[in-house]
Amino acid sequence: MWIREYEPADWPQVWPIVRDIVRSGETFAYEPAMTEEQAHDIWVMRPPAITVVAVIDDRVVGTANAYANRRGPGAHVSTASFMVAADARGRGVGTALCREVMSWAEERGFAGMQFNAVAESNHRAVEIYKRLGFEIVGTVPGAFRHPTRGRVGLHVMYCEFERRELAEIKKAAARRPSP
């Protein structure tokens, strides 16, 4: 798998991923009937933000974007979103995309990354994020209308990069044999 920056020629492969995920109504609080043009405007970021794609055998199988979560006094925290093609799930694509945009954010001096609206029913994503150092810092009960489960909570998840790095150092030290 190769992760690279999005190019305009990728859109014909990105659009079906975005379309199918948004229309399912299960994970993103986007209008399910959004048009291709609306989806492009929401998903494809302009610098200083970034949009990336995950590619396997010349096929786009996932995409992510990342940018400052807020302006002004909140601009030191980033945010990101991820979408993976249905037939590529469970193959590490989401994890790789998340790692990529976390690295991008750290390299640009962001203090951390915040996810503003993770559907609590999206167990796979929640577990990936936790494994990568994110914590659920709050849940808005019933804030997401899932098409089959009804109203479910939306998690706010956060990873402070400095704290994550310290935890990784401690884990590595604990694995080292004692002298």
N, C-alpha and C. Protein backbone atom coordinates (compact mmCIF):
# COMPACT_ATOMS: atom_id res chain seq x y z
N MET A 1 0.85 -1.18 0.00
CA MET A 1 0.00 0.00 0.00
C MET A 1 0.89 1.24 0.00
N TRP A 2 0.44 2.22 -0.73
CA TRP A 2 1.17 3.47 -0.87
C TRP A 2 0.21 4.60 -0.51
N ILE A 3 0.65 5.50 0.36
CA ILE A 3 -0.17 6.67 0.69
C ILE A 3 0.54 7.89 0.13
N ARG A 4 -0.21 8.67 -0.60
CA ARG A 4 0.37 9.86 -1.23
C ARG A 4 -0.65 10.98 -1.21
N GLU A 5 -0.16 12.17 -1.53
CA GLU A 5 -1.05 13.32 -1.58
C GLU A 5 -2.05 13.15 -2.73
N TYR A 6 -3.26 13.58 -2.48
CA TYR A 6 -4.33 13.54 -3.48
C TYR A 6 -3.95 14.38 -4.70
N GLU A 7 -4.32 13.90 -5.87
CA GLU A 7 -4.18 14.64 -7.12
C GLU A 7 -5.57 14.72 -7.76
N PRO A 8 -5.87 15.79 -8.51
CA PRO A 8 -7.19 15.90 -9.13
C PRO A 8 -7.61 14.68 -9.95
N ALA A 9 -6.66 14.00 -10.56
CA ALA A 9 -6.97 12.80 -11.35
C ALA A 9 -7.49 11.65 -10.48
N ASP A 10 -7.34 11.75 -9.15
CA ASP A 10 -7.82 10.71 -8.24
C ASP A 10 -9.33 10.78 -8.00
N TRP A 11 -9.94 11.93 -8.25
CA TRP A 11 -11.34 12.11 -7.87
C TRP A 11 -12.27 11.02 -8.43
N PRO A 12 -12.14 10.59 -9.68
CA PRO A 12 -13.04 9.53 -10.16
C PRO A 12 -12.98 8.24 -9.33
N GLN A 13 -11.88 8.00 -8.62
CA GLN A 13 -11.81 6.83 -7.74
C GLN A 13 -12.19 7.18 -6.30
N VAL A 14 -11.97 8.43 -5.91
CA VAL A 14 -12.32 8.85 -4.55
C VAL A 14 -13.84 9.02 -4.42
N TRP A 15 -14.47 9.60 -5.42
CA TRP A 15 -15.90 9.89 -5.35
C TRP A 15 -16.74 8.66 -5.01
N PRO A 16 -16.55 7.49 -5.63
CA PRO A 16 -17.39 6.34 -5.25
C PRO A 16 -17.21 5.93 -3.78
N ILE A 17 -16.01 6.09 -3.25
CA ILE A 17 -15.78 5.77 -1.83
C ILE A 17 -16.59 6.73 -0.97
N VAL A 18 -16.43 8.03 -1.23
CA VAL A 18 -17.15 9.05 -0.46
C VAL A 18 -18.66 8.85 -0.63
N ARG A 19 -19.10 8.70 -1.86
CA ARG A 19 -20.54 8.55 -2.14
C ARG A 19 -21.15 7.38 -1.36
N ASP A 20 -20.50 6.22 -1.44
CA ASP A 20 -21.06 5.03 -0.79
C ASP A 20 -21.10 5.16 0.72
N ILE A 21 -20.05 5.72 1.30
CA ILE A 21 -20.01 5.87 2.76
C ILE A 21 -21.04 6.90 3.22
N VAL A 22 -21.11 8.03 2.53
CA VAL A 22 -22.05 9.07 2.93
C VAL A 22 -23.49 8.59 2.74
N ARG A 23 -23.77 7.95 1.63
CA ARG A 23 -25.14 7.48 1.38
C ARG A 23 -25.59 6.40 2.35
N SER A 24 -24.65 5.64 2.89
CA SER A 24 -25.03 4.61 3.87
C SER A 24 -25.59 5.25 5.13
N GLY A 25 -25.16 6.47 5.43
CA GLY A 25 -25.65 7.19 6.60
C GLY A 25 -25.21 6.62 7.93
N GLU A 26 -24.22 5.72 7.93
CA GLU A 26 -23.84 5.02 9.16
C GLU A 26 -22.71 5.67 9.95
N THR A 27 -21.90 6.52 9.31
CA THR A 27 -20.72 7.01 10.03
C THR A 27 -20.47 8.51 9.92
N PHE A 28 -20.88 9.15 8.86
CA PHE A 28 -20.60 10.58 8.68
C PHE A 28 -21.87 11.40 8.78
N ALA A 29 -21.78 12.54 9.44
CA ALA A 29 -22.91 13.45 9.58
C ALA A 29 -22.96 14.40 8.38
N TYR A 30 -22.87 13.82 7.20
CA TYR A 30 -23.00 14.56 5.95
C TYR A 30 -24.37 14.24 5.36
N GLU A 31 -24.88 15.14 4.56
CA GLU A 31 -26.16 14.93 3.89
C GLU A 31 -26.04 13.75 2.93
N PRO A 32 -26.79 12.66 3.17
CA PRO A 32 -26.67 11.47 2.31
C PRO A 32 -26.93 11.72 0.83
N ALA A 33 -27.74 12.73 0.51
CA ALA A 33 -28.07 13.01 -0.89
C ALA A 33 -27.13 14.04 -1.51
N MET A 34 -26.00 14.30 -0.87
CA MET A 34 -25.10 15.32 -1.42
C MET A 34 -24.67 14.96 -2.84
N THR A 35 -24.46 15.99 -3.63
CA THR A 35 -24.03 15.79 -5.01
C THR A 35 -22.52 15.54 -5.06
N GLU A 36 -22.07 15.12 -6.21
CA GLU A 36 -20.63 14.90 -6.40
C GLU A 36 -19.86 16.21 -6.19
N GLU A 37 -20.39 17.30 -6.70
CA GLU A 37 -19.72 18.59 -6.54
C GLU A 37 -19.65 18.99 -5.06
N GLN A 38 -20.75 18.81 -4.34
CA GLN A 38 -20.75 19.12 -2.90
C GLN A 38 -19.74 18.26 -2.16
N ALA A 39 -19.69 16.98 -2.50
CA ALA A 39 -18.75 16.07 -1.84
C ALA A 39 -17.32 16.50 -2.11
N HIS A 40 -17.04 16.87 -3.33
CA HIS A 40 -15.68 17.32 -3.68
C HIS A 40 -15.31 18.55 -2.85
N ASP A 41 -16.24 19.50 -2.75
CA ASP A 41 -15.97 20.73 -2.00
C ASP A 41 -15.74 20.46 -0.52
N ILE A 42 -16.43 19.48 0.04
CA ILE A 42 -16.28 19.15 1.46
C ILE A 42 -15.01 18.33 1.70
N TRP A 43 -14.70 17.42 0.79
CA TRP A 43 -13.63 16.44 1.06
C TRP A 43 -12.24 16.91 0.65
N VAL A 44 -12.12 17.51 -0.52
CA VAL A 44 -10.79 17.85 -1.04
C VAL A 44 -10.37 19.20 -0.45
N MET A 45 -9.31 19.16 0.34
CA MET A 45 -8.83 20.33 1.06
C MET A 45 -7.79 21.10 0.24
N ARG A 46 -7.74 22.39 0.49
CA ARG A 46 -6.70 23.22 -0.13
C ARG A 46 -5.63 23.50 0.91
N PRO A 47 -4.38 23.70 0.46
CA PRO A 47 -3.31 24.03 1.41
C PRO A 47 -3.69 25.26 2.22
N PRO A 48 -3.33 25.29 3.48
CA PRO A 48 -2.32 24.45 4.14
C PRO A 48 -2.85 23.11 4.62
N ALA A 49 -4.10 22.80 4.36
CA ALA A 49 -4.65 21.48 4.72
C ALA A 49 -4.13 20.45 3.72
N ILE A 50 -4.48 19.19 3.95
CA ILE A 50 -4.02 18.13 3.06
C ILE A 50 -5.12 17.09 2.84
N THR A 51 -5.13 16.52 1.66
CA THR A 51 -5.96 15.36 1.35
C THR A 51 -5.01 14.31 0.80
N VAL A 52 -5.16 13.08 1.27
CA VAL A 52 -4.29 11.99 0.82
C VAL A 52 -5.15 10.82 0.34
N VAL A 53 -4.51 9.92 -0.39
CA VAL A 53 -5.17 8.69 -0.83
C VAL A 53 -4.27 7.51 -0.51
N ALA A 54 -4.91 6.37 -0.24
CA ALA A 54 -4.20 5.10 -0.08
C ALA A 54 -4.42 4.32 -1.37
N VAL A 55 -3.32 3.82 -1.93
CA VAL A 55 -3.38 3.16 -3.23
C VAL A 55 -2.81 1.76 -3.12
N ILE A 56 -3.54 0.80 -3.67
CA ILE A 56 -3.06 -0.58 -3.80
C ILE A 56 -3.24 -0.97 -5.26
N ASP A 57 -2.15 -1.39 -5.89
CA ASP A 57 -2.21 -1.81 -7.30
C ASP A 57 -2.90 -0.77 -8.19
N ASP A 58 -2.48 0.47 -8.07
CA ASP A 58 -3.01 1.58 -8.87
C ASP A 58 -4.48 1.89 -8.62
N ARG A 59 -5.04 1.36 -7.55
CA ARG A 59 -6.44 1.62 -7.20
C ARG A 59 -6.51 2.37 -5.88
N VAL A 60 -7.25 3.47 -5.87
CA VAL A 60 -7.48 4.22 -4.63
C VAL A 60 -8.44 3.40 -3.78
N VAL A 61 -7.99 3.04 -2.56
CA VAL A 61 -8.82 2.22 -1.67
C VAL A 61 -9.21 2.98 -0.40
N GLY A 62 -8.68 4.18 -0.23
CA GLY A 62 -9.02 4.98 0.94
C GLY A 62 -8.54 6.40 0.76
N THR A 63 -9.07 7.28 1.59
CA THR A 63 -8.71 8.69 1.51
C THR A 63 -8.86 9.32 2.89
N ALA A 64 -8.11 10.38 3.10
CA ALA A 64 -8.18 11.12 4.36
C ALA A 64 -7.90 12.59 4.08
N ASN A 65 -8.35 13.43 4.98
CA ASN A 65 -7.97 14.83 4.92
C ASN A 65 -7.65 15.30 6.33
N ALA A 66 -6.85 16.35 6.42
CA ALA A 66 -6.46 16.88 7.73
C ALA A 66 -6.24 18.39 7.60
N TYR A 67 -6.52 19.08 8.70
CA TYR A 67 -6.42 20.54 8.70
C TYR A 67 -6.53 21.02 10.14
N ALA A 68 -6.36 22.33 10.35
CA ALA A 68 -6.53 22.90 11.68
C ALA A 68 -7.99 22.76 12.09
N ASN A 69 -8.21 22.29 13.31
CA ASN A 69 -9.57 22.06 13.80
C ASN A 69 -10.35 23.37 13.94
N ARG A 70 -9.69 24.41 14.34
CA ARG A 70 -10.30 25.72 14.52
C ARG A 70 -9.32 26.79 14.08
N ARG A 71 -9.79 28.00 14.00
CA ARG A 71 -8.92 29.13 13.69
C ARG A 71 -8.51 29.81 14.98
N GLY A 72 -7.63 30.77 14.85
CA GLY A 72 -7.24 31.59 15.99
C GLY A 72 -6.67 30.78 17.13
N PRO A 73 -7.18 31.00 18.37
CA PRO A 73 -6.61 30.35 19.54
C PRO A 73 -6.72 28.82 19.54
N GLY A 74 -7.52 28.25 18.65
CA GLY A 74 -7.64 26.80 18.57
C GLY A 74 -6.87 26.19 17.41
N ALA A 75 -6.09 27.00 16.71
CA ALA A 75 -5.42 26.54 15.49
C ALA A 75 -4.24 25.61 15.74
N HIS A 76 -3.89 25.39 17.00
CA HIS A 76 -2.76 24.49 17.30
C HIS A 76 -3.19 23.03 17.38
N VAL A 77 -4.49 22.76 17.22
CA VAL A 77 -5.03 21.39 17.24
C VAL A 77 -5.56 21.08 15.84
N SER A 78 -5.20 19.92 15.34
CA SER A 78 -5.64 19.49 14.01
C SER A 78 -6.87 18.60 14.12
N THR A 79 -7.46 18.32 12.98
CA THR A 79 -8.53 17.34 12.88
C THR A 79 -8.36 16.59 11.58
N ALA A 80 -9.06 15.50 11.42
CA ALA A 80 -8.94 14.70 10.21
C ALA A 80 -10.19 13.85 10.02
N SER A 81 -10.38 13.38 8.81
CA SER A 81 -11.46 12.45 8.48
C SER A 81 -10.91 11.38 7.56
N PHE A 82 -11.54 10.20 7.60
CA PHE A 82 -11.04 9.04 6.87
C PHE A 82 -12.20 8.30 6.22
N MET A 83 -11.96 7.79 5.02
CA MET A 83 -12.92 6.92 4.35
C MET A 83 -12.15 5.81 3.65
N VAL A 84 -12.64 4.58 3.81
CA VAL A 84 -12.00 3.40 3.21
C VAL A 84 -13.05 2.64 2.40
N ALA A 85 -12.68 2.24 1.19
CA ALA A 85 -13.59 1.46 0.34
C ALA A 85 -14.03 0.20 1.07
N ALA A 86 -15.28 -0.18 0.89
CA ALA A 86 -15.84 -1.33 1.61
C ALA A 86 -15.01 -2.59 1.43
N ASP A 87 -14.53 -2.84 0.23
CA ASP A 87 -13.78 -4.08 0.00
C ASP A 87 -12.33 -4.01 0.46
N ALA A 88 -11.92 -2.88 1.01
CA ALA A 88 -10.55 -2.74 1.52
C ALA A 88 -10.51 -2.66 3.04
N ARG A 89 -11.65 -2.72 3.69
CA ARG A 89 -11.69 -2.62 5.15
C ARG A 89 -11.11 -3.87 5.80
N GLY A 90 -10.51 -3.67 6.96
CA GLY A 90 -9.90 -4.78 7.68
C GLY A 90 -8.52 -5.15 7.17
N ARG A 91 -7.96 -4.32 6.30
CA ARG A 91 -6.64 -4.60 5.72
C ARG A 91 -5.59 -3.57 6.14
N GLY A 92 -5.90 -2.77 7.15
CA GLY A 92 -4.93 -1.80 7.66
C GLY A 92 -4.93 -0.46 6.95
N VAL A 93 -5.86 -0.26 6.04
CA VAL A 93 -5.90 0.99 5.28
C VAL A 93 -6.23 2.17 6.19
N GLY A 94 -7.27 2.03 7.01
CA GLY A 94 -7.65 3.11 7.92
C GLY A 94 -6.55 3.46 8.90
N THR A 95 -5.90 2.44 9.44
CA THR A 95 -4.79 2.66 10.37
C THR A 95 -3.66 3.41 9.68
N ALA A 96 -3.31 2.98 8.48
CA ALA A 96 -2.22 3.63 7.74
C ALA A 96 -2.56 5.08 7.41
N LEU A 97 -3.79 5.34 7.00
CA LEU A 97 -4.20 6.71 6.72
C LEU A 97 -4.13 7.57 7.97
N CYS A 98 -4.59 7.03 9.09
CA CYS A 98 -4.56 7.79 10.34
C CYS A 98 -3.13 8.11 10.75
N ARG A 99 -2.26 7.12 10.67
CA ARG A 99 -0.84 7.38 11.00
C ARG A 99 -0.25 8.45 10.09
N GLU A 100 -0.59 8.39 8.82
CA GLU A 100 -0.05 9.36 7.85
C GLU A 100 -0.45 10.78 8.21
N VAL A 101 -1.74 11.01 8.48
CA VAL A 101 -2.16 12.39 8.76
C VAL A 101 -1.72 12.83 10.16
N MET A 102 -1.56 11.89 11.08
CA MET A 102 -1.01 12.26 12.39
C MET A 102 0.43 12.74 12.22
N SER A 103 1.20 12.04 11.41
CA SER A 103 2.59 12.46 11.14
C SER A 103 2.61 13.82 10.46
N TRP A 104 1.73 14.00 9.49
CA TRP A 104 1.63 15.28 8.80
C TRP A 104 1.37 16.41 9.81
N ALA A 105 0.43 16.18 10.71
CA ALA A 105 0.07 17.21 11.70
C ALA A 105 1.22 17.48 12.66
N GLU A 106 1.86 16.42 13.14
CA GLU A 106 3.00 16.60 14.05
C GLU A 106 4.12 17.38 13.38
N GLU A 107 4.42 17.05 12.14
CA GLU A 107 5.49 17.74 11.40
C GLU A 107 5.20 19.22 11.23
N ARG A 108 3.94 19.60 11.24
CA ARG A 108 3.57 21.00 11.07
C ARG A 108 3.37 21.71 12.40
N GLY A 109 3.71 21.05 13.48
CA GLY A 109 3.70 21.70 14.78
C GLY A 109 2.38 21.69 15.52
N PHE A 110 1.40 20.94 15.05
CA PHE A 110 0.15 20.84 15.80
C PHE A 110 0.41 20.12 17.12
N ALA A 111 -0.28 20.53 18.17
CA ALA A 111 -0.10 19.93 19.50
C ALA A 111 -0.84 18.60 19.63
N GLY A 112 -1.86 18.41 18.83
CA GLY A 112 -2.64 17.18 18.91
C GLY A 112 -3.64 17.12 17.78
N MET A 113 -4.46 16.08 17.83
CA MET A 113 -5.50 15.90 16.82
C MET A 113 -6.81 15.58 17.53
N GLN A 114 -7.87 16.23 17.09
CA GLN A 114 -9.20 16.06 17.67
C GLN A 114 -10.18 15.60 16.60
N PHE A 115 -10.94 14.57 16.92
CA PHE A 115 -12.03 14.14 16.05
C PHE A 115 -13.31 14.63 16.71
N ASN A 116 -14.08 15.42 16.00
CA ASN A 116 -15.24 16.10 16.57
C ASN A 116 -16.52 15.28 16.60
N ALA A 117 -16.62 14.27 15.75
CA ALA A 117 -17.90 13.57 15.63
C ALA A 117 -17.69 12.14 15.14
N VAL A 118 -17.29 11.25 16.04
CA VAL A 118 -17.12 9.83 15.71
C VAL A 118 -18.35 9.09 16.22
N ALA A 119 -19.14 8.55 15.31
CA ALA A 119 -20.34 7.82 15.72
C ALA A 119 -19.94 6.67 16.64
N GLU A 120 -20.55 6.61 17.82
CA GLU A 120 -20.16 5.57 18.78
C GLU A 120 -20.44 4.17 18.24
N SER A 121 -21.31 4.07 17.25
CA SER A 121 -21.60 2.78 16.62
C SER A 121 -20.53 2.37 15.61
N ASN A 122 -19.60 3.26 15.31
CA ASN A 122 -18.52 2.96 14.37
C ASN A 122 -17.36 2.33 15.16
N HIS A 123 -17.60 1.12 15.64
CA HIS A 123 -16.67 0.44 16.55
C HIS A 123 -15.28 0.26 15.95
N ARG A 124 -15.22 -0.08 14.67
CA ARG A 124 -13.91 -0.30 14.03
C ARG A 124 -13.06 0.97 14.10
N ALA A 125 -13.65 2.11 13.75
CA ALA A 125 -12.90 3.37 13.79
C ALA A 125 -12.50 3.73 15.22
N VAL A 126 -13.42 3.58 16.16
CA VAL A 126 -13.11 3.91 17.55
C VAL A 126 -11.93 3.08 18.04
N GLU A 127 -11.91 1.80 17.71
CA GLU A 127 -10.80 0.94 18.15
C GLU A 127 -9.48 1.32 17.49
N ILE A 128 -9.51 1.65 16.20
CA ILE A 128 -8.29 2.11 15.53
C ILE A 128 -7.76 3.36 16.22
N TYR A 129 -8.63 4.32 16.46
CA TYR A 129 -8.20 5.58 17.06
C TYR A 129 -7.64 5.35 18.46
N LYS A 130 -8.28 4.52 19.25
CA LYS A 130 -7.77 4.23 20.60
C LYS A 130 -6.39 3.58 20.52
N ARG A 131 -6.23 2.64 19.61
CA ARG A 131 -4.95 1.96 19.45
C ARG A 131 -3.84 2.95 19.07
N LEU A 132 -4.19 4.02 18.38
CA LEU A 132 -3.21 5.01 17.95
C LEU A 132 -3.03 6.14 18.97
N GLY A 133 -3.66 6.01 20.13
CA GLY A 133 -3.42 6.98 21.20
C GLY A 133 -4.54 7.97 21.47
N PHE A 134 -5.65 7.85 20.79
CA PHE A 134 -6.78 8.75 21.02
C PHE A 134 -7.59 8.30 22.23
N GLU A 135 -8.18 9.27 22.90
CA GLU A 135 -9.07 9.00 24.02
C GLU A 135 -10.43 9.61 23.72
N ILE A 136 -11.48 8.99 24.22
CA ILE A 136 -12.80 9.60 24.15
C ILE A 136 -12.85 10.62 25.27
N VAL A 137 -12.98 11.89 24.90
CA VAL A 137 -13.00 12.94 25.92
C VAL A 137 -14.42 13.40 26.22
N GLY A 138 -15.36 12.93 25.43
CA GLY A 138 -16.75 13.25 25.67
C GLY A 138 -17.63 12.58 24.63
N THR A 139 -18.89 12.42 24.97
CA THR A 139 -19.85 11.84 24.04
C THR A 139 -21.13 12.65 24.12
N VAL A 140 -21.62 13.08 22.98
CA VAL A 140 -22.89 13.79 22.92
C VAL A 140 -23.97 12.73 22.69
N PRO A 141 -24.79 12.46 23.71
CA PRO A 141 -25.78 11.38 23.59
C PRO A 141 -26.79 11.65 22.48
N GLY A 142 -27.05 10.63 21.67
CA GLY A 142 -28.10 10.71 20.67
C GLY A 142 -27.90 11.74 19.58
N ALA A 143 -26.68 12.21 19.37
CA ALA A 143 -26.45 13.30 18.42
C ALA A 143 -26.37 12.86 16.96
N PHE A 144 -26.35 11.55 16.72
CA PHE A 144 -26.23 11.03 15.35
C PHE A 144 -27.41 10.10 15.07
N ARG A 145 -28.11 10.34 13.96
CA ARG A 145 -29.24 9.49 13.58
C ARG A 145 -28.74 8.38 12.66
N HIS A 146 -28.50 7.22 13.24
CA HIS A 146 -28.04 6.05 12.49
C HIS A 146 -29.25 5.46 11.77
N PRO A 147 -29.10 5.00 10.52
CA PRO A 147 -30.26 4.53 9.76
C PRO A 147 -30.94 3.28 10.32
N THR A 148 -30.22 2.45 11.07
CA THR A 148 -30.86 1.24 11.62
C THR A 148 -30.85 1.20 13.14
N ARG A 149 -29.95 1.91 13.78
CA ARG A 149 -29.85 1.87 15.25
C ARG A 149 -30.53 3.05 15.93
N GLY A 150 -31.05 3.96 15.14
CA GLY A 150 -31.67 5.13 15.72
C GLY A 150 -30.61 6.11 16.20
N ARG A 151 -30.96 6.88 17.22
CA ARG A 151 -30.04 7.90 17.72
C ARG A 151 -28.92 7.25 18.53
N VAL A 152 -27.68 7.53 18.11
CA VAL A 152 -26.50 7.06 18.84
C VAL A 152 -25.63 8.26 19.18
N GLY A 153 -24.74 8.07 20.11
CA GLY A 153 -23.87 9.15 20.53
C GLY A 153 -22.77 9.46 19.52
N LEU A 154 -22.29 10.69 19.62
CA LEU A 154 -21.12 11.11 18.85
C LEU A 154 -19.98 11.36 19.82
N HIS A 155 -18.88 10.63 19.63
CA HIS A 155 -17.70 10.82 20.48
C HIS A 155 -16.87 12.00 19.98
N VAL A 156 -16.30 12.71 20.92
CA VAL A 156 -15.20 13.63 20.64
C VAL A 156 -13.96 12.89 21.12
N MET A 157 -12.99 12.71 20.23
CA MET A 157 -11.78 11.96 20.57
C MET A 157 -10.57 12.86 20.37
N TYR A 158 -9.55 12.67 21.23
CA TYR A 158 -8.38 13.55 21.18
C TYR A 158 -7.11 12.76 21.44
N CYS A 159 -6.07 13.15 20.74
CA CYS A 159 -4.73 12.61 20.98
C CYS A 159 -3.76 13.77 21.08
N GLU A 160 -3.17 13.93 22.26
CA GLU A 160 -2.14 14.94 22.44
C GLU A 160 -0.82 14.31 22.02
N PHE A 161 -0.16 14.88 21.03
CA PHE A 161 1.03 14.24 20.46
C PHE A 161 2.15 14.04 21.47
N GLU A 162 2.40 15.03 22.31
CA GLU A 162 3.49 14.91 23.29
C GLU A 162 3.21 13.76 24.26
N ARG A 163 1.99 13.67 24.75
CA ARG A 163 1.63 12.61 25.69
C ARG A 163 1.72 11.23 25.02
N ARG A 164 1.33 11.16 23.76
CA ARG A 164 1.40 9.91 23.00
C ARG A 164 2.85 9.47 22.86
N GLU A 165 3.73 10.41 22.54
CA GLU A 165 5.15 10.08 22.40
C GLU A 165 5.72 9.57 23.72
N LEU A 166 5.35 10.19 24.82
CA LEU A 166 5.83 9.75 26.13
C LEU A 166 5.34 8.34 26.44
N ALA A 167 4.09 8.05 26.11
CA ALA A 167 3.55 6.71 26.34
C ALA A 167 4.29 5.67 25.51
N GLU A 168 4.63 6.02 24.27
CA GLU A 168 5.37 5.09 23.41
C GLU A 168 6.77 4.84 23.96
N ILE A 169 7.41 5.87 24.50
CA ILE A 169 8.75 5.72 25.09
C ILE A 169 8.67 4.80 26.30
N LYS A 170 7.66 5.00 27.16
CA LYS A 170 7.49 4.15 28.34
C LYS A 170 7.24 2.70 27.95
N LYS A 171 6.42 2.48 26.92
CA LYS A 171 6.15 1.12 26.45
C LYS A 171 7.42 0.46 25.95
N ALA A 172 8.21 1.19 25.20
CA ALA A 172 9.46 0.64 24.66
C ALA A 172 10.42 0.31 25.80
N ALA A 173 10.48 1.17 26.80
CA ALA A 173 11.37 0.94 27.94
C ALA A 173 10.93 -0.29 28.72
N ALA A 174 9.64 -0.50 28.86
CA ALA A 174 9.12 -1.65 29.60
C ALA A 174 9.43 -2.96 28.88
N ARG A 175 9.59 -2.92 27.57
CA ARG A 175 9.89 -4.13 26.80
C ARG A 175 11.37 -4.49 26.84
N ARG A 176 12.23 -3.51 27.19
CA ARG A 176 13.67 -3.78 27.24
C ARG A 176 14.00 -4.70 28.40
N PRO A 177 14.90 -5.65 28.17
CA PRO A 177 15.30 -6.53 29.28
C PRO A 177 16.06 -5.75 30.34
N SER A 178 15.89 -6.15 31.57
CA SER A 178 16.59 -5.50 32.69
C SER A 178 18.06 -5.89 32.65
N PRO A 179 18.95 -4.97 33.08
CA PRO A 179 20.40 -5.29 33.09
C PRO A 179 20.76 -6.32 34.13
